[in-house]
Structure formats: C-alpha cells, structure tokens
Amino acid sequence: MVRGVSLLSGGLDSMLAICMLREQGIEMEGIVFKSPFFGVAGAEKAAKQLGVKLHILDFSDDILSLVKHPPHGFGGAMNPCIDCHAAMIRRAGEFMRAGGYDFVSTGEVLNQRPMSQNRRSLETVAETSGLKGLLLRPLSAQLLDPTTPELDGRIDRTRLGSISGRNRQPQMELVKRYGLTEYPSPAGGCLLTEKGFCRKLRDLFDHTEGIPAVEDVELLKFSRQFRLPDGGRIIVGRNRLDNIALKALREQGKTILHTVNIPGPTAAVLGEIPESDLYRAASIIADYGDKGPLPDIIVKVITPEETREITVNPLPRDTYQDWML
C-alpha cells in the first residue's frame, strides 16, 4: 500500500490534492500547522468531510523565528511565504520519515501566486526543505519535474493534474468529479498578510529582545492597542467581551486598569510600564469612558503586587491618537 501525507490547510486546492491521490488507491492522511497567525479549524472541517486522519503540528516557534530572520525576505507585509512553506515541508518530511509514509504532497498550483508559486519558488521550497524528489504537487504535477514515486511507478503521473495559473475553472470541474459539497472561497487566512496586524507585530519585535513569546503575539489580536511615549504598551477593550478577556489577564500577572466612578473600558498593560505611562493609560480609558461632565476620573490599578486607585483627567483624543498601533 502506497501511503502519503498531505498538507491540508482546509482550502479547496489542498482538499482536491488529497482526492486526486486517493483516486489512485493511495492511502492519504493530512497535516496542518497551528500558530498565532493561522488556525486549524478549516483543516479540521475539511478532514471531516474527506474522512481523512488529520495530524496537528505546532508551528509557533518555527514561524516566529522566520519572521525575525526570513532568509528569502517578506511578501507584501510580514509574510515570509517561501521560508514558511519550506519550513512546513521540512517538518512534514520529518513526519513522513518517522511515520513510514512514501511522500509529502501539497495543494499548490503552479503560477497561482506569482511570488510563492512560480516554478523557481516551488523548486526553492523543495530544495530548501530537503524533500526534493519526495514533494508532490498533484494538481500541477504534469507541468513539473516528476517525483521519485512517479518515476518508480508507485504513482501514475498520467492521472495527475496539469493546472496552472489563477483560473479556478479546472478546480470547479474537480469539485463536481469528487462530489465536494463544502469548501471555503479562496482567501489568505494568514495574519502575517494583514498590514494592520503587522504594525502591532513589528512594534512588538522592535521592543522585544530576541523572539517574542507566543502569549504576547496572541494578544496582538485585540484591536485597540497603544505604544505610549515612554515605552509602555497597553490594550484597551472595545466592548464587554474584550473587557472580560482583558480582566482575565490578571491571572497571567498582567497589570489591569479599569474606571471606578464611571462606566468605561478595561486596559491591560503588556510588559513593564513607567509611572508616567501608567497615568497616560488611565487618562486614555477615562476619555473612552462615559464621563459626562466629571472632571476627575478614578481608575483602579491592579498589579501582581498591589491594588490602588489613582485620579486622572480624561486625555484629549487628539493627544493620544498618534500612539495607537
């Protein structure tokens, strides 16, 4: 029995790659990588529809190291796509060898993405990952150099695809052929391609010695964040759910601020904060609060060591808008 393991993001192309190989009687399983920048829910849903076993591998340390030092550079934001994909393939290759599989496959389509899926990039990934000859792209295989399992007859190359470019019609025909009923629309799905998120991530890297902790990267998903003039960084809640989540960070040792004498947002302090910035943070949440005519706002400051109250005036919004990340 020929056995393969395929990268399964949950996108249509990755699903079709598995279907095309299973059509030849090949036993297929899926791999998905999780990190602060991309989740696994789509892959889990796809695996359930396909009826394949899914292996979830943590990729957080790998991708954070690549964002710090990407050998092949970034895409349009902070996305080191070539290096990221090569690292995923390398990890998949290790998994393949440990599990006794015959090859690794992906749903990549030649020239679908001009930067990361042109012929040169695909070859670079295969060579960099150390999986040259064992990395199969079934949807475009007939347009690429044959892999070892094709050459030795374990996989019938004539039954693989010859898709190229961004036209989705060939994939739609395969959808009908394989009876797929649920699949997502083409989309990025990686936070490293979103410039708003990357502004916060760049700020975190700029103010962190070495590589940031995964927990700190996860906190960037809160949308309203500020880097204050003396170096402090805070998150300010936008709604009730944000405020509940931010208050829970007290259990992680974060400093928490919230208004006492008016309804207002909760703020969480990330890292060290000088007293000057602590007062600025309190003045910001005072301004966001339902302050009415009150000139003095009481803010409770809860640190791992103590709880105290300070009195501040709301800070004019045009003063702190430039501090927002």
Protein backbone atom coordinates (compact mmCIF):
# COMPACT_ATOMS: atom_id res chain seq x y z
CA MET A 1 0.00 0.00 0.00
CA VAL A 2 1.35 3.41 -1.02
CA ARG A 3 0.89 5.96 1.79
CA GLY A 4 1.19 9.71 1.60
CA VAL A 5 0.78 12.65 3.92
CA SER A 6 -0.57 15.91 2.53
CA LEU A 7 -0.57 19.45 3.84
CA LEU A 8 -4.24 20.24 4.48
CA SER A 9 -4.99 23.89 5.12
CA GLY A 10 -8.71 23.43 4.64
CA GLY A 11 -8.66 25.32 1.35
CA LEU A 12 -10.11 23.80 -1.80
CA ASP A 13 -6.79 23.07 -3.52
CA SER A 14 -5.46 21.13 -0.54
CA MET A 15 -8.68 19.08 -0.47
CA LEU A 16 -8.51 18.35 -4.20
CA ALA A 17 -4.89 17.20 -3.93
CA ILE A 18 -5.93 14.50 -1.46
CA CYS A 19 -8.91 13.48 -3.60
CA MET A 20 -6.75 13.16 -6.72
CA LEU A 21 -4.27 10.88 -4.98
CA ARG A 22 -6.90 8.77 -3.24
CA GLU A 23 -8.45 8.18 -6.67
CA GLN A 24 -5.38 6.04 -7.39
CA GLY A 25 -5.94 3.96 -4.26
CA ILE A 26 -3.25 5.76 -2.29
CA GLU A 27 -3.83 5.96 1.46
CA MET A 28 -3.74 9.64 2.43
CA GLU A 29 -3.57 11.49 5.74
CA GLY A 30 -3.42 15.23 6.41
CA ILE A 31 -1.09 17.56 8.28
CA VAL A 32 -1.95 21.07 9.43
CA PHE A 33 0.28 23.54 11.25
CA LYS A 34 -1.02 25.81 14.00
CA SER A 35 0.50 29.10 15.13
CA PRO A 36 -0.64 32.52 16.39
CA PHE A 37 -1.02 33.56 12.74
CA PHE A 38 -3.16 30.75 11.31
CA GLY A 39 -5.56 28.31 12.90
CA VAL A 40 -6.66 24.74 12.24
CA ALA A 41 -10.46 24.98 12.22
CA GLY A 42 -10.68 24.94 8.42
CA ALA A 43 -8.42 21.91 8.19
CA GLU A 44 -10.43 20.04 10.81
CA LYS A 45 -13.64 20.71 8.89
CA ALA A 46 -12.04 19.62 5.59
CA ALA A 47 -10.60 16.45 7.13
CA LYS A 48 -14.01 15.52 8.48
CA GLN A 49 -15.61 15.97 5.06
CA LEU A 50 -12.87 13.97 3.34
CA GLY A 51 -12.80 11.30 6.03
CA VAL A 52 -9.02 11.51 6.48
CA LYS A 53 -6.95 11.41 9.64
CA LEU A 54 -5.55 14.84 10.49
CA HIS A 55 -2.29 15.46 12.36
CA ILE A 56 -1.90 18.89 14.04
CA LEU A 57 1.67 20.13 14.49
CA ASP A 58 2.59 23.24 16.48
CA PHE A 59 4.48 25.65 14.24
CA SER A 60 4.69 28.68 16.54
CA ASP A 61 8.42 28.65 17.29
CA ASP A 62 9.26 27.96 13.63
CA ILE A 63 7.27 30.87 12.22
CA LEU A 64 8.33 33.37 14.90
CA SER A 65 11.98 32.63 14.12
CA LEU A 66 11.31 33.12 10.41
CA VAL A 67 9.53 36.43 10.97
CA LYS A 68 12.60 37.58 12.92
CA HIS A 69 15.08 36.43 10.23
CA PRO A 70 13.46 35.48 6.88
CA PRO A 71 16.25 34.20 4.55
CA HIS A 72 14.16 34.87 1.43
CA GLY A 73 12.53 38.07 2.70
CA PHE A 74 8.90 39.08 3.11
CA GLY A 75 5.93 39.32 0.80
CA GLY A 76 3.68 42.38 0.84
CA ALA A 77 3.59 42.58 4.65
CA MET A 78 5.49 40.45 7.21
CA ASN A 79 4.75 37.16 5.48
CA PRO A 80 7.92 35.09 4.81
CA CYS A 81 5.94 32.80 2.49
CA ILE A 82 8.81 30.94 0.80
CA ASP A 83 10.68 30.28 4.05
CA CYS A 84 7.48 29.48 5.93
CA HIS A 85 6.39 26.95 3.36
CA ALA A 86 9.84 25.39 3.17
CA ALA A 87 9.86 25.00 6.96
CA MET A 88 6.42 23.39 6.86
CA ILE A 89 7.56 20.98 4.17
CA ARG A 90 10.69 20.19 6.17
CA ARG A 91 8.58 19.41 9.24
CA ALA A 92 6.22 17.36 7.08
CA GLY A 93 9.22 15.47 5.72
CA GLU A 94 10.36 14.63 9.23
CA PHE A 95 6.84 13.42 10.00
CA MET A 96 6.79 11.40 6.75
CA ARG A 97 10.03 9.59 7.55
CA ALA A 98 9.07 8.94 11.18
CA GLY A 99 5.71 7.51 10.14
CA GLY A 100 6.92 5.44 7.18
CA TYR A 101 4.97 7.37 4.53
CA ASP A 102 6.12 7.37 0.90
CA PHE A 103 5.87 11.08 0.04
CA VAL A 104 4.54 14.52 1.01
CA SER A 105 2.00 16.34 -1.14
CA THR A 106 0.52 19.83 -1.19
CA GLY A 107 -2.32 21.61 -2.96
CA GLU A 108 -0.04 24.17 -4.60
CA VAL A 109 -0.84 25.21 -8.16
CA LEU A 110 1.90 26.39 -10.50
CA ASN A 111 1.72 30.18 -11.09
CA GLN A 112 -1.41 30.63 -8.97
CA ARG A 113 0.52 33.02 -6.72
CA PRO A 114 3.13 34.97 -8.66
CA MET A 115 5.66 35.25 -5.83
CA SER A 116 5.39 31.99 -3.90
CA GLN A 117 4.12 29.51 -6.52
CA ASN A 118 6.16 30.25 -9.61
CA ARG A 119 8.41 27.47 -10.82
CA ARG A 120 11.54 28.86 -9.20
CA SER A 121 9.83 29.28 -5.80
CA LEU A 122 8.42 25.75 -5.90
CA GLU A 123 11.87 24.37 -6.68
CA THR A 124 13.44 26.50 -3.92
CA VAL A 125 10.98 25.12 -1.38
CA ALA A 126 11.68 21.52 -2.44
CA GLU A 127 15.45 22.02 -2.22
CA THR A 128 15.44 24.12 0.98
CA SER A 129 13.17 21.66 2.77
CA GLY A 130 15.41 18.71 1.88
CA LEU A 131 12.46 16.93 0.28
CA LYS A 132 13.35 17.22 -3.39
CA GLY A 133 12.01 14.17 -5.23
CA LEU A 134 9.52 13.36 -2.48
CA LEU A 135 7.42 16.54 -2.63
CA LEU A 136 4.44 16.10 -4.94
CA ARG A 137 2.07 18.83 -6.20
CA PRO A 138 -0.70 16.67 -7.70
CA LEU A 139 -2.77 19.49 -9.24
CA SER A 140 0.17 20.68 -11.39
CA ALA A 141 2.33 17.54 -11.43
CA GLN A 142 2.36 17.06 -15.20
CA LEU A 143 3.86 20.54 -15.61
CA LEU A 144 6.63 19.91 -13.05
CA ASP A 145 9.59 17.54 -12.84
CA PRO A 146 8.48 14.01 -11.91
CA THR A 147 8.99 12.94 -8.31
CA THR A 148 10.52 9.65 -7.17
CA PRO A 149 7.18 7.86 -6.58
CA GLU A 150 6.10 8.86 -10.08
CA LEU A 151 9.33 7.62 -11.62
CA ASP A 152 9.22 4.24 -9.88
CA GLY A 153 5.54 3.67 -10.69
CA ARG A 154 4.00 3.97 -7.23
CA ILE A 155 2.02 6.96 -8.53
CA ASP A 156 0.57 7.15 -12.05
CA ARG A 157 1.73 10.51 -13.37
CA THR A 158 -0.76 10.42 -16.24
CA ARG A 159 -3.64 10.60 -13.76
CA LEU A 160 -2.32 13.74 -12.06
CA GLY A 161 -3.20 17.32 -12.99
CA SER A 162 -1.78 19.98 -15.28
CA ILE A 163 -3.37 23.07 -13.75
CA SER A 164 -1.57 26.41 -13.99
CA GLY A 165 -2.48 29.99 -13.18
CA ARG A 166 -5.35 31.64 -11.34
CA ASN A 167 -8.29 30.41 -13.39
CA ARG A 168 -10.40 28.32 -11.00
CA GLN A 169 -12.45 26.50 -13.66
CA PRO A 170 -10.29 23.33 -13.58
CA GLN A 171 -10.78 23.14 -9.81
CA MET A 172 -14.54 23.59 -10.18
CA GLU A 173 -14.64 20.64 -12.55
CA LEU A 174 -12.75 18.55 -9.99
CA VAL A 175 -15.20 19.63 -7.29
CA LYS A 176 -18.01 18.05 -9.28
CA ARG A 177 -15.93 14.99 -10.05
CA TYR A 178 -15.14 14.30 -6.41
CA GLY A 179 -18.53 15.37 -5.03
CA LEU A 180 -17.24 18.03 -2.66
CA THR A 181 -20.08 19.99 -1.12
CA GLU A 182 -18.36 22.37 1.31
CA TYR A 183 -15.19 24.37 0.74
CA PRO A 184 -14.09 27.93 1.50
CA SER A 185 -13.66 30.71 -1.02
CA PRO A 186 -10.03 31.46 -1.91
CA ALA A 187 -8.56 33.70 0.79
CA GLY A 188 -5.29 34.40 2.56
CA GLY A 189 -6.16 33.34 6.08
CA CYS A 190 -2.72 34.28 7.47
CA LEU A 191 -2.47 37.28 9.79
CA LEU A 192 1.04 37.95 8.51
CA THR A 193 -0.51 39.27 5.29
CA GLU A 194 -2.70 41.79 7.13
CA LYS A 195 -0.93 45.14 7.40
CA GLY A 196 -2.91 46.36 10.40
CA PHE A 197 -1.92 43.31 12.44
CA CYS A 198 1.66 43.55 11.20
CA ARG A 199 2.02 47.12 12.52
CA LYS A 200 1.42 45.74 16.01
CA LEU A 201 3.67 42.77 15.37
CA ARG A 202 6.52 44.96 14.12
CA ASP A 203 6.19 47.13 17.21
CA LEU A 204 6.37 44.03 19.42
CA PHE A 205 9.52 42.79 17.68
CA ASP A 206 11.08 46.26 17.89
CA HIS A 207 10.54 46.35 21.67
CA THR A 208 11.45 42.73 22.44
CA GLU A 209 14.93 41.37 22.90
CA GLY A 210 15.09 38.15 20.91
CA ILE A 211 11.87 36.45 19.81
CA PRO A 212 8.55 37.41 21.47
CA ALA A 213 6.63 34.86 23.50
CA VAL A 214 3.69 33.17 21.78
CA GLU A 215 1.39 34.51 24.50
CA ASP A 216 2.37 38.11 23.68
CA VAL A 217 1.80 37.56 19.97
CA GLU A 218 -1.67 36.16 20.68
CA LEU A 219 -2.55 39.38 22.50
CA LEU A 220 -1.97 41.37 19.29
CA LYS A 221 -5.34 40.09 18.11
CA PHE A 222 -7.02 42.67 20.35
CA SER A 223 -7.61 45.58 18.01
CA ARG A 224 -7.15 48.73 20.16
CA GLN A 225 -3.52 48.96 21.28
CA PHE A 226 -1.19 51.84 22.11
CA ARG A 227 2.55 52.35 22.41
CA LEU A 228 2.89 55.20 24.89
CA PRO A 229 5.56 57.94 24.77
CA ASP A 230 7.82 56.46 27.47
CA GLY A 231 7.68 52.92 26.08
CA GLY A 232 4.66 51.35 27.79
CA ARG A 233 2.18 49.30 25.73
CA ILE A 234 -1.47 48.82 26.58
CA ILE A 235 -4.56 47.12 25.20
CA VAL A 236 -7.87 48.96 25.66
CA GLY A 237 -11.11 46.99 25.42
CA ARG A 238 -13.63 47.88 22.74
CA ASN A 239 -16.62 46.03 24.18
CA ARG A 240 -17.84 43.90 27.06
CA LEU A 241 -16.22 40.70 25.74
CA ASP A 242 -12.88 42.47 25.33
CA ASN A 243 -13.12 43.80 28.89
CA ILE A 244 -13.84 40.35 30.31
CA ALA A 245 -10.91 38.84 28.40
CA LEU A 246 -8.57 41.63 29.48
CA LYS A 247 -9.53 41.31 33.15
CA ALA A 248 -8.71 37.60 32.90
CA LEU A 249 -5.11 38.53 32.03
CA ARG A 250 -4.69 39.39 35.71
CA GLU A 251 -4.25 35.65 36.21
CA GLN A 252 -1.20 35.85 33.89
CA GLY A 253 0.38 38.55 36.02
CA LYS A 254 -0.61 41.48 33.80
CA THR A 255 -1.39 44.89 35.25
CA ILE A 256 -5.08 45.75 34.77
CA LEU A 257 -6.76 49.18 34.81
CA HIS A 258 -10.45 49.99 34.91
CA THR A 259 -12.55 53.02 35.77
CA VAL A 260 -14.30 53.16 39.15
CA ASN A 261 -16.73 56.09 39.20
CA ILE A 262 -17.89 55.89 35.56
CA PRO A 263 -18.57 53.03 33.11
CA GLY A 264 -15.51 52.59 30.91
CA PRO A 265 -13.20 50.14 29.20
CA THR A 266 -10.65 47.86 30.80
CA ALA A 267 -7.00 48.17 29.86
CA ALA A 268 -4.20 45.63 30.23
CA VAL A 269 -0.53 46.56 30.40
CA LEU A 270 1.89 44.43 28.41
CA GLY A 271 5.36 44.23 29.86
CA GLU A 272 6.92 46.93 32.04
CA ILE A 273 5.39 50.40 32.15
CA PRO A 274 6.83 53.56 33.73
CA GLU A 275 4.63 55.53 36.12
CA SER A 276 4.32 58.35 33.55
CA ASP A 277 2.78 55.98 31.02
CA LEU A 278 0.59 54.35 33.66
CA TYR A 279 -1.08 57.71 34.23
CA ARG A 280 -1.40 58.22 30.49
CA ALA A 281 -3.07 54.81 30.19
CA ALA A 282 -5.51 55.72 32.95
CA SER A 283 -6.27 59.03 31.24
CA ILE A 284 -6.95 57.25 27.94
CA ILE A 285 -9.52 54.85 29.39
CA ALA A 286 -11.04 57.78 31.27
CA ASP A 287 -11.56 59.56 27.96
CA TYR A 288 -13.14 56.46 26.38
CA GLY A 289 -15.48 56.09 29.38
CA ASP A 290 -18.95 57.54 29.88
CA LYS A 291 -17.53 60.51 31.75
CA GLY A 292 -20.22 63.13 31.26
CA PRO A 293 -19.24 66.39 32.97
CA LEU A 294 -16.99 64.75 35.59
CA PRO A 295 -13.51 66.38 35.57
CA ASP A 296 -11.85 63.74 37.77
CA ILE A 297 -11.99 60.04 36.98
CA ILE A 298 -10.93 57.36 39.46
CA VAL A 299 -9.07 54.43 37.92
CA LYS A 300 -8.25 51.21 39.76
CA VAL A 301 -4.78 49.81 39.03
CA ILE A 302 -4.35 46.12 39.80
CA THR A 303 -0.79 44.78 39.66
CA PRO A 304 0.58 41.42 40.81
CA GLU A 305 1.92 43.20 43.91
CA GLU A 306 -0.84 45.66 44.87
CA THR A 307 -4.20 47.28 44.10
CA ARG A 308 -4.51 51.06 44.24
CA GLU A 309 -6.62 53.88 42.90
CA ILE A 310 -5.42 56.95 41.04
CA THR A 311 -7.32 60.06 39.94
CA VAL A 312 -6.84 61.41 36.43
CA ASN A 313 -8.35 63.80 33.92
CA PRO A 314 -9.52 62.40 30.58
CA LEU A 315 -6.82 62.85 27.97
CA PRO A 316 -7.97 64.69 24.82
CA ARG A 317 -8.32 62.19 21.99
CA ASP A 318 -6.19 64.13 19.53
CA THR A 319 -3.34 63.85 22.05
CA TYR A 320 -3.18 60.04 22.01
CA GLN A 321 -4.47 59.03 18.58
CA ASP A 322 -0.93 59.01 17.21
CA TRP A 323 0.05 56.48 19.87
CA MET A 324 -2.38 53.90 18.53
CA LEU A 325 -0.77 50.97 16.74
